């Protein structure tokens, strides 16, 4: 048991004799009646490392094991928290919302405001209108938001709840309490798409439902930037910093940086976010730039087809990606690239030259969201690495694979690079055993792959629960490129140190300079 004078964490607590005894008894229970044959377990475990098992594993269609994605409402919640004084509201069960809140809180190490109307068994049978009526009024009374961003979970979608009709009904019965509250809504069924689909659906709904008819005159200085599902708060800060160099009317739509990066002291329920007035006038901008093409597919259609607005996509990760973003801002604003940015670029190129010998030729397995992978793989190719396995569980059906292949074709080792759309991390396990790589780049769920395959893991992506403060850094822009270099190269050097620890055996390459 715990000793009040010497509180220990779980890692040490469960090594105490009393807990070890419980574990031992539990294993005896599990093994009774022939339920477990250790020899058979070992035999099957070895078989799962084979090419035979790999073919069966990659052909799997009916089940997902260790998915490299989350569900739609998670992305919708991020959108809501990107606008000032806005409360994300999920029409569904309380358990789902607890998952979304804990997921974000564990990654950002900050509280995540979000409410639910707590649909239960009766709502699953009779519909959630009553929950919506009470929920919206309670949310408004308790948290006093200017906007409530409503999304859905599986339960509400399976029974076919109509959000638009429900919100109208709730407003009619609210006795004026909801008259001054904006309530954009989006259907975000968890059983299709992923968190980036939910982000897209919610962003589209906010921009469509908040915007009045387009003004007669376009604001030629106004440019909107949509960041996409961005888990690196430093990237948001870096993009805003770069944009500021080109003008004061380049505005980020869905700016969640401050919400998940508050300081110590009195807690503020709402922090930062895009001003609602700026969101309402987004339709009058000269152009919109999306930093994540595949996180804003539906939003793009609204901007291009309904608003008739110039729409661009850029992916400012790595050298070429940041170059494209900077040149697009220069083109749209008619301004020269500032000297400060030129100096930042020069420093990144210098740093790339320093680190190139260590990253060159390294075989990498990488997974994550579609736009994250496009940017990261481009950067790896720039550095001479070999993206041997590129796994994208939530890969779009159209366009993405061809874009990724075009990036890989720039590598002089392109024949060794493979794209695996729609595959999960259990499929990646088979790939790692049959076609090993030097390093993995991905989120926290690669930890079990590291333990199983002994392939070193460099943590870049979302979510990251078991390390602190990485989300505060940028991985976008020239400064973000230096961060990526630092993380990856030092990960490689850490492994090199591990492999040269044997005195007079493996330490011949020991080098304290490097």
Protein backbone atom coordinates (compact mmCIF):
# COMPACT_ATOMS: atom_id res chain seq x y z
CA UNK A 1 0.00 0.00 0.00
CA UNK A 2 0.99 3.65 -0.24
CA UNK A 3 3.09 5.15 2.56
CA UNK A 4 1.95 8.68 3.36
CA UNK A 5 5.51 9.71 4.14
CA UNK A 6 6.82 8.35 0.85
CA UNK A 7 4.24 8.56 -1.94
CA UNK A 8 5.47 6.72 -5.04
CA UNK A 9 4.15 6.69 -8.60
CA UNK A 10 2.47 3.72 -10.25
CA UNK A 11 5.69 2.43 -11.75
CA UNK A 12 7.18 1.75 -8.30
CA UNK A 13 3.91 1.15 -6.47
CA UNK A 14 3.03 -1.96 -8.44
CA UNK A 15 6.44 -3.48 -7.81
CA UNK A 16 5.61 -3.76 -4.11
CA UNK A 17 5.17 -7.34 -2.81
CA UNK A 18 1.44 -7.05 -2.14
CA UNK A 19 0.73 -5.98 -5.72
CA UNK A 20 3.06 -8.60 -7.16
CA UNK A 21 1.16 -11.22 -5.18
CA UNK A 22 -2.14 -10.02 -6.67
CA UNK A 23 -0.65 -10.18 -10.17
CA UNK A 24 0.66 -13.67 -9.56
CA UNK A 25 -2.77 -14.90 -8.39
CA UNK A 26 -4.43 -13.22 -11.35
CA UNK A 27 -2.14 -15.04 -13.79
CA UNK A 28 -2.93 -18.35 -12.09
CA UNK A 29 -6.62 -17.66 -12.53
CA UNK A 30 -6.17 -16.76 -16.21
CA UNK A 31 -4.19 -19.93 -16.82
CA UNK A 32 -6.63 -22.30 -15.15
CA UNK A 33 -8.63 -24.89 -17.11
CA UNK A 34 -6.10 -24.72 -19.94
CA UNK A 35 -7.13 -21.19 -20.98
CA UNK A 36 -3.52 -20.25 -21.64
CA UNK A 37 -0.81 -22.43 -23.08
CA UNK A 38 2.41 -20.35 -22.77
CA UNK A 39 4.22 -22.44 -25.37
CA UNK A 40 1.40 -21.90 -27.87
CA UNK A 41 1.37 -18.18 -27.13
CA UNK A 42 5.10 -17.98 -27.87
CA UNK A 43 4.64 -19.98 -31.06
CA UNK A 44 1.88 -17.70 -32.36
CA UNK A 45 3.78 -14.60 -31.34
CA UNK A 46 6.73 -15.68 -33.47
CA UNK A 47 4.43 -16.50 -36.38
CA UNK A 48 3.01 -12.95 -36.26
CA UNK A 49 6.48 -11.69 -37.19
CA UNK A 50 6.53 -13.67 -40.43
CA UNK A 51 5.79 -12.78 -44.06
CA UNK A 52 2.98 -15.34 -44.01
CA UNK A 53 1.21 -13.47 -41.23
CA UNK A 54 2.00 -10.13 -42.85
CA UNK A 55 0.02 -11.03 -45.98
CA UNK A 56 -2.98 -12.03 -43.87
CA UNK A 57 -2.62 -8.93 -41.72
CA UNK A 58 -2.47 -6.51 -44.65
CA UNK A 59 -5.48 -8.18 -46.26
CA UNK A 60 -7.56 -7.57 -43.12
CA UNK A 61 -10.71 -5.50 -43.74
CA UNK A 62 -13.28 -6.22 -41.05
CA UNK A 63 -11.41 -5.05 -37.97
CA UNK A 64 -9.10 -2.21 -36.93
CA UNK A 65 -6.31 -2.81 -34.41
CA UNK A 66 -4.54 0.18 -32.84
CA UNK A 67 -5.98 2.88 -35.11
CA UNK A 68 -3.84 5.85 -36.06
CA UNK A 69 -6.81 8.24 -35.96
CA UNK A 70 -9.58 9.51 -33.67
CA UNK A 71 -13.27 10.17 -34.35
CA UNK A 72 -15.03 13.16 -35.90
CA UNK A 73 -16.30 15.06 -32.83
CA UNK A 74 -12.73 15.45 -31.53
CA UNK A 75 -11.93 17.67 -34.52
CA UNK A 76 -15.21 19.56 -34.10
CA UNK A 77 -14.29 20.37 -30.50
CA UNK A 78 -10.95 21.82 -31.64
CA UNK A 79 -12.76 24.11 -34.08
CA UNK A 80 -15.10 25.38 -31.37
CA UNK A 81 -12.23 26.23 -29.06
CA UNK A 82 -10.61 28.24 -31.86
CA UNK A 83 -13.22 31.04 -31.64
CA UNK A 84 -13.57 33.56 -28.84
CA UNK A 85 -16.05 32.91 -26.02
CA UNK A 86 -17.22 29.70 -27.66
CA UNK A 87 -18.27 26.51 -25.90
CA UNK A 88 -18.08 23.24 -27.85
CA UNK A 89 -21.29 21.27 -27.28
CA UNK A 90 -21.51 17.60 -28.22
CA UNK A 91 -24.97 16.14 -28.73
CA UNK A 92 -24.46 12.62 -27.41
CA UNK A 93 -23.48 10.63 -24.37
CA UNK A 94 -21.45 12.00 -21.49
CA UNK A 95 -18.84 9.25 -21.87
CA UNK A 96 -17.96 10.35 -25.41
CA UNK A 97 -17.35 13.92 -24.31
CA UNK A 98 -15.26 12.76 -21.36
CA UNK A 99 -13.06 10.97 -23.90
CA UNK A 100 -12.64 14.08 -26.07
CA UNK A 101 -11.80 16.26 -23.09
CA UNK A 102 -9.32 13.82 -21.59
CA UNK A 103 -7.67 13.18 -24.98
CA UNK A 104 -6.93 16.86 -25.51
CA UNK A 105 -6.07 17.50 -21.86
CA UNK A 106 -3.53 14.69 -21.79
CA UNK A 107 -1.84 16.03 -24.94
CA UNK A 108 -1.86 19.75 -24.10
CA UNK A 109 -1.67 19.39 -20.30
CA UNK A 110 -4.42 22.01 -20.03
CA UNK A 111 -8.16 21.86 -19.18
CA UNK A 112 -10.45 21.42 -22.17
CA UNK A 113 -13.86 23.14 -21.96
CA UNK A 114 -16.61 21.12 -23.60
CA UNK A 115 -20.17 20.20 -22.63
CA UNK A 116 -22.58 17.40 -23.47
CA UNK A 117 -26.32 16.99 -23.22
CA UNK A 118 -25.70 13.50 -21.80
CA UNK A 119 -28.00 11.40 -23.93
CA UNK A 120 -28.87 8.11 -22.22
CA UNK A 121 -30.78 4.93 -23.09
CA UNK A 122 -34.15 6.69 -23.26
CA UNK A 123 -32.78 9.32 -25.63
CA UNK A 124 -31.42 6.55 -27.85
CA UNK A 125 -34.97 5.24 -28.21
CA UNK A 126 -37.04 8.43 -28.31
CA UNK A 127 -34.49 10.90 -29.68
CA UNK A 128 -32.45 13.62 -28.05
CA UNK A 129 -34.69 16.68 -28.51
CA UNK A 130 -35.42 16.99 -24.80
CA UNK A 131 -31.71 16.74 -24.03
CA UNK A 132 -30.96 19.46 -26.56
CA UNK A 133 -33.59 21.81 -25.17
CA UNK A 134 -32.31 21.49 -21.63
CA UNK A 135 -28.67 21.26 -22.60
CA UNK A 136 -28.46 24.48 -24.59
CA UNK A 137 -30.23 26.47 -21.89
CA UNK A 138 -28.04 25.01 -19.17
CA UNK A 139 -24.89 25.66 -21.19
CA UNK A 140 -25.88 29.27 -21.72
CA UNK A 141 -26.89 29.83 -18.09
CA UNK A 142 -23.77 28.26 -16.59
CA UNK A 143 -21.01 29.31 -18.99
CA UNK A 144 -22.36 32.46 -20.69
CA UNK A 145 -20.80 31.83 -24.13
CA UNK A 146 -21.24 34.10 -27.13
CA UNK A 147 -21.32 31.04 -29.36
CA UNK A 148 -22.13 27.35 -28.84
CA UNK A 149 -20.62 25.05 -31.48
CA UNK A 150 -22.78 21.90 -31.67
CA UNK A 151 -21.58 18.56 -33.04
CA UNK A 152 -22.79 14.98 -32.73
CA UNK A 153 -21.67 11.49 -31.70
CA UNK A 154 -22.59 8.02 -32.96
CA UNK A 155 -25.73 7.72 -30.83
CA UNK A 156 -27.35 10.88 -32.18
CA UNK A 157 -26.44 9.99 -35.75
CA UNK A 158 -27.66 6.38 -35.62
CA UNK A 159 -31.12 7.47 -34.48
CA UNK A 160 -31.16 10.31 -37.01
CA UNK A 161 -31.46 13.41 -34.82
CA UNK A 162 -31.86 16.57 -36.92
CA UNK A 163 -29.59 19.20 -35.35
CA UNK A 164 -31.01 22.12 -37.30
CA UNK A 165 -34.59 21.33 -36.30
CA UNK A 166 -33.60 20.56 -32.72
CA UNK A 167 -31.81 23.90 -32.30
CA UNK A 168 -34.79 25.79 -33.71
CA UNK A 169 -37.05 23.92 -31.30
CA UNK A 170 -34.74 24.63 -28.38
CA UNK A 171 -34.65 28.33 -29.20
CA UNK A 172 -38.43 28.52 -29.47
CA UNK A 173 -38.86 27.08 -25.98
CA UNK A 174 -35.99 28.99 -24.37
CA UNK A 175 -38.11 32.07 -23.59
CA UNK A 176 -35.57 34.37 -25.19
CA UNK A 177 -32.57 33.00 -23.29
CA UNK A 178 -30.84 31.83 -26.48
CA UNK A 179 -31.78 34.74 -28.74
CA UNK A 180 -28.34 36.37 -28.56
CA UNK A 181 -26.28 33.18 -28.72
CA UNK A 182 -24.83 31.99 -32.01
CA UNK A 183 -25.32 28.23 -32.43
CA UNK A 184 -23.57 26.82 -35.51
CA UNK A 185 -23.95 23.08 -35.85
CA UNK A 186 -22.43 20.19 -37.80
CA UNK A 187 -23.24 16.51 -38.12
CA UNK A 188 -20.08 14.61 -37.16
CA UNK A 189 -20.85 10.87 -37.07
CA UNK A 190 -18.02 9.04 -35.33
CA UNK A 191 -18.39 5.86 -37.38
CA UNK A 192 -17.16 7.43 -40.64
CA UNK A 193 -14.16 9.61 -41.39
CA UNK A 194 -11.87 10.71 -38.60
CA UNK A 195 -11.02 13.72 -36.44
CA UNK A 196 -9.93 15.71 -39.51
CA UNK A 197 -13.34 15.09 -41.12
CA UNK A 198 -15.01 16.44 -37.99
CA UNK A 199 -12.72 19.46 -38.05
CA UNK A 200 -13.67 20.09 -41.67
CA UNK A 201 -17.41 19.69 -41.10
CA UNK A 202 -17.41 22.03 -38.09
CA UNK A 203 -15.22 24.68 -39.72
CA UNK A 204 -17.43 24.66 -42.81
CA UNK A 205 -20.54 25.06 -40.65
CA UNK A 206 -19.11 27.90 -38.56
CA UNK A 207 -18.01 29.87 -41.63
CA UNK A 208 -21.27 29.24 -43.52
CA UNK A 209 -23.69 29.81 -40.65
CA UNK A 210 -21.99 32.91 -39.24
CA UNK A 211 -21.49 34.79 -42.49
CA UNK A 212 -23.99 37.32 -43.82
CA UNK A 213 -24.30 37.89 -47.58
CA UNK A 214 -21.07 38.92 -49.26
CA UNK A 215 -20.38 42.65 -49.37
CA UNK A 216 -20.29 44.41 -52.72
CA UNK A 217 -16.61 45.26 -52.29
CA UNK A 218 -13.89 42.74 -51.44
CA UNK A 219 -11.40 43.73 -48.74
CA UNK A 220 -8.20 43.54 -50.80
CA UNK A 221 -5.98 43.50 -47.70
CA UNK A 222 -7.87 40.74 -45.90
CA UNK A 223 -6.56 37.15 -46.11
CA UNK A 224 -7.93 34.26 -44.08
CA UNK A 225 -5.71 31.41 -42.90
CA UNK A 226 -7.26 28.11 -41.78
CA UNK A 227 -4.69 26.10 -39.80
CA UNK A 228 -6.45 22.73 -39.91
CA UNK A 229 -6.25 20.17 -37.11
CA UNK A 230 -3.03 21.53 -35.61
CA UNK A 231 -1.79 19.94 -32.35
CA UNK A 232 1.39 22.05 -32.19
CA UNK A 233 0.50 25.38 -30.60
CA UNK A 234 3.91 26.76 -31.50
CA UNK A 235 3.03 26.22 -35.17
CA UNK A 236 0.00 28.49 -34.79
CA UNK A 237 2.18 31.13 -33.16
CA UNK A 238 4.83 30.81 -35.88
CA UNK A 239 2.31 31.09 -38.72
CA UNK A 240 0.79 34.21 -37.15
CA UNK A 241 4.26 35.68 -36.71
CA UNK A 242 5.15 35.09 -40.37
CA UNK A 243 1.77 36.42 -41.52
CA UNK A 244 2.20 39.60 -39.46
CA UNK A 245 5.31 40.41 -41.49
CA UNK A 246 3.10 40.70 -44.60
CA UNK A 247 0.18 42.64 -43.16
CA UNK A 248 -2.17 43.31 -40.26
CA UNK A 249 -5.27 41.89 -41.96
CA UNK A 250 -4.12 38.28 -42.33
CA UNK A 251 -6.41 36.54 -39.87
CA UNK A 252 -6.41 32.97 -38.62
CA UNK A 253 -9.81 31.27 -38.67
CA UNK A 254 -9.95 28.90 -35.70
CA UNK A 255 -7.04 30.02 -33.51
CA UNK A 256 -6.91 27.63 -30.55
CA UNK A 257 -3.38 28.54 -29.43
CA UNK A 258 -4.22 30.45 -26.23
CA UNK A 259 -7.00 28.08 -25.16
CA UNK A 260 -4.48 25.30 -24.55
CA UNK A 261 -1.56 27.47 -23.45
CA UNK A 262 -2.81 29.49 -20.50
CA UNK A 263 -0.59 30.73 -17.71
CA UNK A 264 -0.72 30.06 -13.97
CA UNK A 265 -3.16 32.04 -11.84
CA UNK A 266 -6.91 32.49 -12.10
CA UNK A 267 -8.39 30.08 -14.63
CA UNK A 268 -10.23 31.56 -17.58
CA UNK A 269 -12.85 29.36 -19.20
CA UNK A 270 -12.38 31.09 -22.57
CA UNK A 271 -8.95 32.20 -23.71
CA UNK A 272 -8.02 33.79 -27.02
CA UNK A 273 -9.59 32.56 -30.21
CA UNK A 274 -10.57 34.19 -33.48
CA UNK A 275 -12.88 37.14 -32.90
CA UNK A 276 -16.43 36.31 -33.91
CA UNK A 277 -16.66 39.57 -35.86
CA UNK A 278 -13.64 38.46 -37.93
CA UNK A 279 -15.31 35.11 -38.56
CA UNK A 280 -18.49 36.85 -39.69
CA UNK A 281 -16.60 38.93 -42.25
CA UNK A 282 -14.41 36.10 -43.58
CA UNK A 283 -16.57 35.98 -46.72
CA UNK A 284 -15.33 39.45 -47.75
CA UNK A 285 -11.63 38.56 -47.76
CA UNK A 286 -9.49 38.64 -50.87
CA UNK A 287 -8.37 35.03 -50.38
CA UNK A 288 -8.24 32.11 -47.96
CA UNK A 289 -5.20 29.89 -47.42
CA UNK A 290 -5.65 26.45 -45.90
CA UNK A 291 -2.56 24.96 -44.29
CA UNK A 292 -4.08 21.47 -44.35
CA UNK A 293 -5.67 20.63 -47.68
CA UNK A 294 -7.17 17.31 -46.59
CA UNK A 295 -8.53 18.69 -43.30
CA UNK A 296 -10.57 21.28 -45.18
CA UNK A 297 -12.03 19.52 -48.23
CA UNK A 298 -15.66 20.48 -47.54
CA UNK A 299 -14.68 23.93 -46.28
CA UNK A 300 -12.84 24.56 -49.54
CA UNK A 301 -16.02 23.93 -51.53
CA UNK A 302 -17.86 26.59 -49.55
CA UNK A 303 -15.08 29.13 -50.04
CA UNK A 304 -14.57 28.45 -53.75
CA UNK A 305 -18.10 27.66 -54.91
CA UNK A 306 -20.38 29.66 -52.60
CA UNK A 307 -18.17 32.59 -51.68
CA UNK A 308 -16.43 32.70 -55.08
CA UNK A 309 -13.26 33.53 -53.18
CA UNK A 310 -9.66 32.79 -54.15
CA UNK A 311 -8.59 29.64 -52.30
CA UNK A 312 -5.04 28.37 -51.86
CA UNK A 313 -3.42 25.49 -49.98
CA UNK A 314 0.07 25.49 -48.50
CA UNK A 315 1.82 23.05 -46.17
CA UNK A 316 4.54 25.05 -44.35
CA UNK A 317 6.52 22.09 -42.97
CA UNK A 318 10.18 21.82 -43.95
CA UNK A 319 12.15 24.01 -46.32
CA UNK A 320 10.19 23.71 -49.57
CA UNK A 321 6.82 23.75 -47.80
CA UNK A 322 7.66 26.95 -45.93
CA UNK A 323 9.10 28.51 -49.08
CA UNK A 324 5.80 27.90 -50.86
CA UNK A 325 3.80 29.48 -48.02
CA UNK A 326 6.04 32.54 -47.80
CA UNK A 327 5.97 33.08 -51.56
CA UNK A 328 2.19 32.73 -51.61
CA UNK A 329 1.87 35.46 -48.97
CA UNK A 330 4.24 37.64 -51.00
CA UNK A 331 2.14 37.04 -54.12
CA UNK A 332 -1.21 37.74 -52.47
CA UNK A 333 -0.04 40.87 -50.61
CA UNK A 334 2.26 42.20 -53.33
CA UNK A 335 5.05 42.64 -50.78
CA UNK A 336 8.69 41.61 -50.81
CA UNK A 337 9.82 38.79 -48.54
CA UNK A 338 11.12 40.45 -45.34
CA UNK A 339 14.83 40.25 -44.58
CA UNK A 340 14.05 38.55 -41.27
CA UNK A 341 12.47 35.61 -43.09
CA UNK A 342 15.40 35.38 -45.47
CA UNK A 343 17.73 35.17 -42.47
CA UNK A 344 15.56 32.48 -40.86
CA UNK A 345 15.68 30.48 -44.08
CA UNK A 346 19.45 30.77 -44.25
CA UNK A 347 19.76 29.48 -40.68
CA UNK A 348 17.54 26.50 -41.49
CA UNK A 349 19.60 25.64 -44.58
CA UNK A 350 22.79 25.88 -42.50
CA UNK A 351 21.29 23.61 -39.85
CA UNK A 352 20.18 21.12 -42.51
CA UNK A 353 23.73 20.97 -43.81
CA UNK A 354 24.98 20.27 -40.28
CA UNK A 355 22.54 17.43 -39.70
CA UNK A 356 22.42 15.94 -43.20
CA UNK A 357 25.15 13.30 -42.58
CA UNK A 358 23.12 11.80 -39.73
CA UNK A 359 19.70 11.77 -41.39
CA UNK A 360 20.95 10.77 -44.83
CA UNK A 361 20.22 7.15 -45.72
CA UNK A 362 18.22 6.43 -42.56
CA UNK A 363 15.18 4.26 -43.19
CA UNK A 364 12.08 5.71 -41.54
CA UNK A 365 8.60 4.40 -40.80
CA UNK A 366 6.16 7.27 -40.24
CA UNK A 367 2.42 7.55 -39.60
CA UNK A 368 -0.13 10.29 -38.96
CA UNK A 369 -2.70 12.50 -40.64
CA UNK A 370 -2.62 13.12 -44.41
CA UNK A 371 -1.32 16.70 -44.36
CA UNK A 372 1.14 16.02 -41.55
CA UNK A 373 2.61 13.20 -43.59
CA UNK A 374 2.87 15.23 -46.79
CA UNK A 375 4.89 17.88 -44.95
CA UNK A 376 7.02 15.51 -42.89
CA UNK A 377 7.85 13.12 -45.72
CA UNK A 378 8.85 16.06 -47.93
CA UNK A 379 11.21 17.19 -45.17
CA UNK A 380 12.67 13.69 -44.77
CA UNK A 381 13.31 13.46 -48.49
CA UNK A 382 15.00 16.88 -48.39
CA UNK A 383 17.31 15.48 -45.72
CA UNK A 384 18.16 12.33 -47.68
CA UNK A 385 16.24 9.96 -45.43
CA UNK A 386 14.27 7.03 -46.85
CA UNK A 387 10.55 7.04 -45.87
CA UNK A 388 10.32 3.26 -46.15
CA UNK A 389 6.81 2.89 -44.72
CA UNK A 390 4.33 5.79 -44.87
CA UNK A 391 1.16 4.75 -43.03
CA UNK A 392 -1.96 6.92 -43.23
CA UNK A 393 -4.97 5.30 -41.61
CA UNK A 394 -7.31 8.17 -42.50
CA UNK A 395 -5.97 8.71 -46.02
CA UNK A 396 -8.50 10.37 -48.35
CA UNK A 397 -9.69 8.25 -51.24
CA UNK A 398 -8.80 10.82 -53.88
CA UNK A 399 -5.60 12.69 -54.52
CA UNK A 400 -3.52 12.09 -51.42
CA UNK A 401 -1.70 8.94 -52.50
CA UNK A 402 -0.70 10.51 -55.81
CA UNK A 403 0.61 13.61 -54.01
CA UNK A 404 2.63 11.46 -51.63
CA UNK A 405 4.05 9.41 -54.49
CA UNK A 406 5.16 12.60 -56.26
CA UNK A 407 7.12 13.55 -53.11
CA UNK A 408 8.70 10.10 -52.79
CA UNK A 409 9.68 10.15 -56.47
CA UNK A 410 12.08 12.99 -55.65
CA UNK A 411 14.15 10.59 -53.54
CA UNK A 412 17.01 8.73 -55.20
CA UNK A 413 15.83 5.72 -53.16
CA UNK A 414 12.19 6.00 -54.24
CA UNK A 415 12.00 2.29 -55.07
CA UNK A 416 12.46 1.53 -51.37
CA UNK A 417 9.59 3.81 -50.27
CA UNK A 418 6.09 2.44 -49.72
CA UNK A 419 2.73 4.11 -49.11
CA UNK A 420 0.16 2.30 -46.97
CA UNK A 421 -3.19 4.17 -47.08
CA UNK A 422 -5.93 2.92 -44.78
CA UNK A 423 -3.61 0.74 -42.66
CA UNK A 424 -3.43 0.79 -38.87
CA UNK A 425 -0.52 0.35 -36.47
CA UNK A 426 -1.00 -3.41 -36.19
CA UNK A 427 -0.36 -3.59 -39.92
CA UNK A 428 2.72 -1.42 -39.39
CA UNK A 429 3.97 -3.98 -36.86
CA UNK A 430 4.08 -6.61 -39.60
CA UNK A 431 5.91 -4.20 -41.90
CA UNK A 432 8.51 -3.46 -39.23
CA UNK A 433 9.23 -7.15 -38.64
CA UNK A 434 9.43 -8.10 -42.32
CA UNK A 435 11.03 -4.94 -43.72
CA UNK A 436 12.82 -3.32 -40.75
CA UNK A 437 13.71 0.36 -40.59
CA UNK A 438 16.17 2.40 -38.55
CA UNK A 439 13.65 4.71 -36.84
CA UNK A 440 9.94 5.40 -36.44
CA UNK A 441 8.37 8.86 -36.38
CA UNK A 442 4.88 9.07 -34.90
CA UNK A 443 2.67 9.59 -31.89
CA UNK A 444 2.57 7.94 -28.47
CA UNK A 445 0.92 4.79 -29.80
CA UNK A 446 4.22 3.84 -31.36
CA UNK A 447 5.56 3.08 -27.88
CA UNK A 448 4.25 -0.49 -27.99
CA UNK A 449 5.76 -0.95 -31.46
CA UNK A 450 9.10 0.21 -30.04
CA UNK A 451 8.89 -2.29 -27.20
CA UNK A 452 7.86 -5.08 -29.55
CA UNK A 453 10.12 -4.48 -32.56
CA UNK A 454 12.95 -2.55 -30.82
CA UNK A 455 12.69 0.15 -33.50
CA UNK A 456 13.56 3.53 -31.89
CA UNK A 457 10.64 5.96 -31.76
CA UNK A 458 10.98 9.71 -32.38
CA UNK A 459 7.83 11.32 -31.04
CA UNK A 460 6.33 13.78 -33.52
CA UNK A 461 2.57 13.87 -34.12
CA UNK A 462 -0.70 13.66 -32.20
CA UNK A 463 -1.37 12.63 -29.53
CA UNK A 464 1.73 12.62 -27.34
CA UNK A 465 0.80 11.75 -23.77
CA UNK A 466 4.05 10.46 -22.33
CA UNK A 467 6.28 13.48 -22.94
CA UNK A 468 5.74 17.07 -21.86
CA UNK A 469 5.67 20.41 -23.68
CA UNK A 470 6.50 19.25 -27.20
CA UNK A 471 3.18 20.75 -28.31
CA UNK A 472 4.46 24.20 -27.29
CA UNK A 473 7.04 24.14 -30.09
CA UNK A 474 6.50 24.85 -33.77
CA UNK A 475 6.99 22.32 -36.51
CA UNK A 476 5.95 24.86 -39.16
CA UNK A 477 7.96 27.64 -40.76
CA UNK A 478 11.73 27.93 -40.88
CA UNK A 479 11.98 27.98 -37.09
CA UNK A 480 9.81 24.87 -36.97
CA UNK A 481 12.13 23.21 -39.46
CA UNK A 482 15.01 23.68 -37.02
CA UNK A 483 12.88 22.09 -34.29
CA UNK A 484 12.23 19.07 -36.51
CA UNK A 485 15.94 18.79 -37.24
CA UNK A 486 16.70 18.94 -33.53
CA UNK A 487 14.19 16.25 -32.57
CA UNK A 488 15.08 13.84 -35.36
CA UNK A 489 18.86 14.26 -35.40
CA UNK A 490 19.17 14.05 -31.63
CA UNK A 491 16.96 10.96 -31.67
CA UNK A 492 19.41 9.41 -34.11
CA UNK A 493 22.37 10.45 -31.95
CA UNK A 494 20.69 9.06 -28.82
CA UNK A 495 20.44 5.70 -30.54
CA UNK A 496 24.04 5.96 -31.71
CA UNK A 497 25.11 6.44 -28.10
CA UNK A 498 23.10 3.38 -27.10
CA UNK A 499 24.83 1.32 -29.76
CA UNK A 500 28.34 2.43 -28.73
CA UNK A 501 28.23 1.84 -24.98
CA UNK A 502 30.24 -1.37 -24.89
CA UNK A 503 33.76 -0.55 -23.74
CA UNK A 504 36.32 -1.93 -26.20
CA UNK A 505 33.46 -3.69 -28.01
CA UNK A 506 31.17 -1.14 -29.67
CA UNK A 507 32.64 2.16 -28.53
CA UNK A 508 35.08 2.56 -31.43
CA UNK A 509 32.84 5.23 -32.92
CA UNK A 510 32.39 7.05 -29.63
CA UNK A 511 32.64 10.74 -30.39
CA UNK A 512 31.86 13.46 -27.86
CA UNK A 513 31.87 16.13 -30.57
CA UNK A 514 29.64 14.82 -33.35
